[in-house]
């Protein structure tokens, strides 16, 4: 009879904390190390302290979202209030994270966009070169297997030559 009542009773805050103790402790330790890494002198360690702090902060956020997923749904009691306050604190934590690392986040976003643009340009150049090569009369006489091996190699060489010309033009290489 007691076991049935225990199963039907809503979860308590103590049970939740006991169940997620390792995650909560890990998040606290990583957040502390992140703050310490953020305070490393730039003159001595360069940007590595900031990069380490950024990575640790990201890990803390992942753990916080995992803890959030572990909350049992309740509509009353101390666990409900704890969940609501936890959500507000995590939202503030994310805002502080973005404000602290907006430069790093902006650089990461720009790098992703730049890599996507370079990939699209590279793929477009490869496709354009492939179409040009297929239109050449001497290439039409080559068998299909040889074409499939030559086209990627020819396209890659052409893209590298164009890249070299552009870099040489802007005096990025000598």
C-alpha atoms as a PDB file:
ATOM      1  CA  UNK A   1       0.000   0.000   0.000  1.00  0.00           C
ATOM      2  CA  UNK A   2       2.836   2.421   0.862  1.00  0.00           C
ATOM      3  CA  UNK A   3       4.590   1.649  -2.432  1.00  0.00           C
ATOM      4  CA  UNK A   4       1.453   2.564  -4.419  1.00  0.00           C
ATOM      5  CA  UNK A   5       1.127   5.870  -2.562  1.00  0.00           C
ATOM      6  CA  UNK A   6       4.802   6.645  -3.147  1.00  0.00           C
ATOM      7  CA  UNK A   7       4.433   6.048  -6.911  1.00  0.00           C
ATOM      8  CA  UNK A   8       1.400   8.314  -7.100  1.00  0.00           C
ATOM      9  CA  UNK A   9       2.908  11.171  -5.082  1.00  0.00           C
ATOM     10  CA  UNK A  10       4.411  14.019  -7.096  1.00  0.00           C
ATOM     11  CA  UNK A  11       8.199  14.184  -7.295  1.00  0.00           C
ATOM     12  CA  UNK A  12       9.916  16.412  -4.773  1.00  0.00           C
ATOM     13  CA  UNK A  13      12.754  18.868  -5.166  1.00  0.00           C
ATOM     14  CA  UNK A  14      14.992  16.701  -3.001  1.00  0.00           C
ATOM     15  CA  UNK A  15      14.409  13.668  -5.197  1.00  0.00           C
ATOM     16  CA  UNK A  16      15.143  15.703  -8.321  1.00  0.00           C
ATOM     17  CA  UNK A  17      18.399  17.095  -6.914  1.00  0.00           C
ATOM     18  CA  UNK A  18      19.494  13.653  -5.702  1.00  0.00           C
ATOM     19  CA  UNK A  19      18.759  12.181  -9.125  1.00  0.00           C
ATOM     20  CA  UNK A  20      20.661  14.939 -11.001  1.00  0.00           C
ATOM     21  CA  UNK A  21      23.400  15.583  -8.449  1.00  0.00           C
ATOM     22  CA  UNK A  22      26.257  14.592 -10.765  1.00  0.00           C
ATOM     23  CA  UNK A  23      25.026  16.820 -13.598  1.00  0.00           C
ATOM     24  CA  UNK A  24      24.514  19.787 -11.276  1.00  0.00           C
ATOM     25  CA  UNK A  25      27.976  19.333  -9.726  1.00  0.00           C
ATOM     26  CA  UNK A  26      29.630  18.985 -13.127  1.00  0.00           C
ATOM     27  CA  UNK A  27      27.918  22.145 -14.393  1.00  0.00           C
ATOM     28  CA  UNK A  28      29.051  24.070 -11.304  1.00  0.00           C
ATOM     29  CA  UNK A  29      32.651  22.876 -11.622  1.00  0.00           C
ATOM     30  CA  UNK A  30      32.827  23.656 -15.361  1.00  0.00           C
ATOM     31  CA  UNK A  31      31.275  27.105 -14.814  1.00  0.00           C
ATOM     32  CA  UNK A  32      33.877  27.847 -12.135  1.00  0.00           C
ATOM     33  CA  UNK A  33      36.748  26.720 -14.354  1.00  0.00           C
ATOM     34  CA  UNK A  34      35.283  28.776 -17.210  1.00  0.00           C
ATOM     35  CA  UNK A  35      35.275  31.911 -15.064  1.00  0.00           C
ATOM     36  CA  UNK A  36      38.845  31.244 -13.933  1.00  0.00           C
ATOM     37  CA  UNK A  37      39.990  30.658 -17.533  1.00  0.00           C
ATOM     38  CA  UNK A  38      38.305  33.894 -18.580  1.00  0.00           C
ATOM     39  CA  UNK A  39      40.439  35.759 -16.035  1.00  0.00           C
ATOM     40  CA  UNK A  40      43.781  34.420 -17.343  1.00  0.00           C
ATOM     41  CA  UNK A  41      46.119  37.281 -18.291  1.00  0.00           C
ATOM     42  CA  UNK A  42      46.005  37.959 -22.021  1.00  0.00           C
ATOM     43  CA  UNK A  43      49.647  39.094 -22.033  1.00  0.00           C
ATOM     44  CA  UNK A  44      50.813  35.706 -20.787  1.00  0.00           C
ATOM     45  CA  UNK A  45      48.394  33.243 -22.421  1.00  0.00           C
ATOM     46  CA  UNK A  46      47.075  35.190 -25.387  1.00  0.00           C
ATOM     47  CA  UNK A  47      43.557  34.324 -26.552  1.00  0.00           C
ATOM     48  CA  UNK A  48      43.743  30.728 -25.271  1.00  0.00           C
ATOM     49  CA  UNK A  49      42.124  31.610 -21.945  1.00  0.00           C
ATOM     50  CA  UNK A  50      39.143  33.154 -23.726  1.00  0.00           C
ATOM     51  CA  UNK A  51      38.845  30.197 -26.103  1.00  0.00           C
ATOM     52  CA  UNK A  52      38.997  27.754 -23.186  1.00  0.00           C
ATOM     53  CA  UNK A  53      36.416  29.773 -21.277  1.00  0.00           C
ATOM     54  CA  UNK A  54      34.130  29.832 -24.330  1.00  0.00           C
ATOM     55  CA  UNK A  55      34.346  26.042 -24.729  1.00  0.00           C
ATOM     56  CA  UNK A  56      33.716  25.403 -21.042  1.00  0.00           C
ATOM     57  CA  UNK A  57      30.766  27.793 -21.081  1.00  0.00           C
ATOM     58  CA  UNK A  58      29.315  25.882 -24.043  1.00  0.00           C
ATOM     59  CA  UNK A  59      29.677  22.623 -22.101  1.00  0.00           C
ATOM     60  CA  UNK A  60      27.897  24.169 -19.116  1.00  0.00           C
ATOM     61  CA  UNK A  61      25.015  25.202 -21.362  1.00  0.00           C
ATOM     62  CA  UNK A  62      24.716  21.674 -22.756  1.00  0.00           C
ATOM     63  CA  UNK A  63      24.610  20.265 -19.222  1.00  0.00           C
ATOM     64  CA  UNK A  64      22.026  22.872 -18.179  1.00  0.00           C
ATOM     65  CA  UNK A  65      19.775  21.874 -21.075  1.00  0.00           C
ATOM     66  CA  UNK A  66      20.176  18.210 -20.072  1.00  0.00           C
ATOM     67  CA  UNK A  67      19.132  19.085 -16.517  1.00  0.00           C
ATOM     68  CA  UNK A  68      16.147  20.983 -17.909  1.00  0.00           C
ATOM     69  CA  UNK A  69      15.081  17.897 -19.880  1.00  0.00           C
ATOM     70  CA  UNK A  70      15.225  15.820 -16.684  1.00  0.00           C
ATOM     71  CA  UNK A  71      12.635  17.966 -14.881  1.00  0.00           C
ATOM     72  CA  UNK A  72       9.448  15.997 -14.235  1.00  0.00           C
ATOM     73  CA  UNK A  73       6.332  17.949 -15.161  1.00  0.00           C
ATOM     74  CA  UNK A  74       4.532  19.322 -12.131  1.00  0.00           C
ATOM     75  CA  UNK A  75       2.117  22.195 -11.824  1.00  0.00           C
ATOM     76  CA  UNK A  76       2.502  22.939  -8.129  1.00  0.00           C
ATOM     77  CA  UNK A  77       4.933  22.612  -5.297  1.00  0.00           C
ATOM     78  CA  UNK A  78       8.535  23.564  -4.722  1.00  0.00           C
ATOM     79  CA  UNK A  79       9.779  21.585  -7.752  1.00  0.00           C
ATOM     80  CA  UNK A  80       7.537  23.625 -10.055  1.00  0.00           C
ATOM     81  CA  UNK A  81       8.866  26.883  -8.622  1.00  0.00           C
ATOM     82  CA  UNK A  82      12.418  25.579  -8.834  1.00  0.00           C
ATOM     83  CA  UNK A  83      11.888  24.684 -12.514  1.00  0.00           C
ATOM     84  CA  UNK A  84      10.469  28.117 -13.327  1.00  0.00           C
ATOM     85  CA  UNK A  85      13.280  29.978 -11.564  1.00  0.00           C
ATOM     86  CA  UNK A  86      15.822  27.614 -13.146  1.00  0.00           C
ATOM     87  CA  UNK A  87      14.444  28.499 -16.615  1.00  0.00           C
ATOM     88  CA  UNK A  88      14.805  32.225 -15.909  1.00  0.00           C
ATOM     89  CA  UNK A  89      18.350  31.761 -14.573  1.00  0.00           C
ATOM     90  CA  UNK A  90      19.387  29.682 -17.595  1.00  0.00           C
ATOM     91  CA  UNK A  91      17.897  32.321 -19.916  1.00  0.00           C
ATOM     92  CA  UNK A  92      19.969  34.957 -18.109  1.00  0.00           C
ATOM     93  CA  UNK A  93      22.981  32.648 -18.298  1.00  0.00           C
ATOM     94  CA  UNK A  94      22.565  32.418 -22.090  1.00  0.00           C
ATOM     95  CA  UNK A  95      22.255  36.219 -22.355  1.00  0.00           C
ATOM     96  CA  UNK A  96      25.444  36.684 -20.311  1.00  0.00           C
ATOM     97  CA  UNK A  97      27.184  34.045 -22.460  1.00  0.00           C
ATOM     98  CA  UNK A  98      26.203  35.817 -25.675  1.00  0.00           C
ATOM     99  CA  UNK A  99      27.206  39.219 -24.275  1.00  0.00           C
ATOM    100  CA  UNK A 100      30.539  37.871 -23.038  1.00  0.00           C
ATOM    101  CA  UNK A 101      31.438  36.017 -26.211  1.00  0.00           C
ATOM    102  CA  UNK A 102      29.595  37.989 -28.899  1.00  0.00           C
ATOM    103  CA  UNK A 103      32.873  38.623 -30.724  1.00  0.00           C
ATOM    104  CA  UNK A 104      33.739  34.913 -30.764  1.00  0.00           C
ATOM    105  CA  UNK A 105      30.187  33.994 -31.779  1.00  0.00           C
ATOM    106  CA  UNK A 106      30.234  36.609 -34.542  1.00  0.00           C
ATOM    107  CA  UNK A 107      33.581  35.352 -35.832  1.00  0.00           C
ATOM    108  CA  UNK A 108      32.297  31.753 -35.768  1.00  0.00           C
ATOM    109  CA  UNK A 109      29.178  32.783 -37.673  1.00  0.00           C
ATOM    110  CA  UNK A 110      31.245  34.679 -40.245  1.00  0.00           C
ATOM    111  CA  UNK A 111      33.598  31.713 -40.644  1.00  0.00           C
ATOM    112  CA  UNK A 112      30.670  29.370 -41.229  1.00  0.00           C
ATOM    113  CA  UNK A 113      29.203  31.751 -43.817  1.00  0.00           C
ATOM    114  CA  UNK A 114      32.605  32.181 -45.472  1.00  0.00           C
ATOM    115  CA  UNK A 115      33.158  28.410 -45.646  1.00  0.00           C
ATOM    116  CA  UNK A 116      29.682  27.928 -47.110  1.00  0.00           C
ATOM    117  CA  UNK A 117      30.357  30.604 -49.738  1.00  0.00           C
ATOM    118  CA  UNK A 118      33.755  29.125 -50.614  1.00  0.00           C
ATOM    119  CA  UNK A 119      32.214  25.663 -50.892  1.00  0.00           C
ATOM    120  CA  UNK A 120      29.448  26.938 -53.179  1.00  0.00           C
ATOM    121  CA  UNK A 121      31.973  28.805 -55.322  1.00  0.00           C
ATOM    122  CA  UNK A 122      34.218  25.749 -55.513  1.00  0.00           C
ATOM    123  CA  UNK A 123      31.333  23.442 -56.457  1.00  0.00           C
ATOM    124  CA  UNK A 124      30.079  25.961 -59.017  1.00  0.00           C
ATOM    125  CA  UNK A 125      33.527  26.265 -60.581  1.00  0.00           C
ATOM    126  CA  UNK A 126      33.929  22.486 -60.688  1.00  0.00           C
ATOM    127  CA  UNK A 127      30.548  22.086 -62.383  1.00  0.00           C
ATOM    128  CA  UNK A 128      31.277  24.860 -64.880  1.00  0.00           C
ATOM    129  CA  UNK A 129      34.645  23.385 -65.762  1.00  0.00           C
ATOM    130  CA  UNK A 130      33.090  19.930 -66.113  1.00  0.00           C
ATOM    131  CA  UNK A 131      30.528  21.271 -68.574  1.00  0.00           C
ATOM    132  CA  UNK A 132      33.228  23.087 -70.556  1.00  0.00           C
ATOM    133  CA  UNK A 133      35.396  19.984 -70.717  1.00  0.00           C
ATOM    134  CA  UNK A 134      32.489  17.842 -71.892  1.00  0.00           C
ATOM    135  CA  UNK A 135      31.910  20.243 -74.795  1.00  0.00           C
ATOM    136  CA  UNK A 136      35.491  19.863 -76.098  1.00  0.00           C
ATOM    137  CA  UNK A 137      35.630  17.761 -79.263  1.00  0.00           C
ATOM    138  CA  UNK A 138      38.790  15.804 -78.344  1.00  0.00           C
ATOM    139  CA  UNK A 139      37.283  14.854 -74.995  1.00  0.00           C
ATOM    140  CA  UNK A 140      34.202  13.296 -76.602  1.00  0.00           C
ATOM    141  CA  UNK A 141      36.377  10.544 -78.091  1.00  0.00           C
ATOM    142  CA  UNK A 142      37.656   9.413 -74.658  1.00  0.00           C
ATOM    143  CA  UNK A 143      35.795   6.484 -73.067  1.00  0.00           C
ATOM    144  CA  UNK A 144      33.458   7.046 -70.086  1.00  0.00           C
ATOM    145  CA  UNK A 145      35.772   5.554 -67.426  1.00  0.00           C
ATOM    146  CA  UNK A 146      38.641   7.805 -68.437  1.00  0.00           C
ATOM    147  CA  UNK A 147      36.333  10.854 -68.437  1.00  0.00           C
ATOM    148  CA  UNK A 148      35.228  10.129 -64.887  1.00  0.00           C
ATOM    149  CA  UNK A 149      38.857  10.087 -63.749  1.00  0.00           C
ATOM    150  CA  UNK A 150      40.085  13.065 -65.757  1.00  0.00           C
ATOM    151  CA  UNK A 151      37.262  15.576 -65.133  1.00  0.00           C
ATOM    152  CA  UNK A 152      37.746  15.928 -61.334  1.00  0.00           C
ATOM    153  CA  UNK A 153      41.505  16.169 -61.738  1.00  0.00           C
ATOM    154  CA  UNK A 154      41.235  18.729 -64.552  1.00  0.00           C
ATOM    155  CA  UNK A 155      38.624  20.728 -62.595  1.00  0.00           C
ATOM    156  CA  UNK A 156      40.748  20.770 -59.456  1.00  0.00           C
ATOM    157  CA  UNK A 157      43.826  21.907 -61.358  1.00  0.00           C
ATOM    158  CA  UNK A 158      41.840  24.685 -63.053  1.00  0.00           C
ATOM    159  CA  UNK A 159      40.400  25.905 -59.729  1.00  0.00           C
ATOM    160  CA  UNK A 160      43.874  25.931 -58.161  1.00  0.00           C
ATOM    161  CA  UNK A 161      45.278  27.908 -61.105  1.00  0.00           C
ATOM    162  CA  UNK A 162      42.468  30.465 -60.817  1.00  0.00           C
ATOM    163  CA  UNK A 163      43.003  30.696 -57.040  1.00  0.00           C
ATOM    164  CA  UNK A 164      46.763  31.162 -57.565  1.00  0.00           C
ATOM    165  CA  UNK A 165      46.134  33.941 -60.106  1.00  0.00           C
ATOM    166  CA  UNK A 166      43.757  35.719 -57.718  1.00  0.00           C
ATOM    167  CA  UNK A 167      46.168  35.413 -54.776  1.00  0.00           C
ATOM    168  CA  UNK A 168      49.071  36.595 -56.950  1.00  0.00           C
ATOM    169  CA  UNK A 169      47.013  39.528 -58.259  1.00  0.00           C
ATOM    170  CA  UNK A 170      46.224  40.759 -54.734  1.00  0.00           C
ATOM    171  CA  UNK A 171      49.853  40.179 -53.729  1.00  0.00           C
ATOM    172  CA  UNK A 172      48.929  37.664 -51.055  1.00  0.00           C
ATOM    173  CA  UNK A 173      51.646  35.388 -52.421  1.00  0.00           C
ATOM    174  CA  UNK A 174      54.804  36.230 -54.344  1.00  0.00           C
END
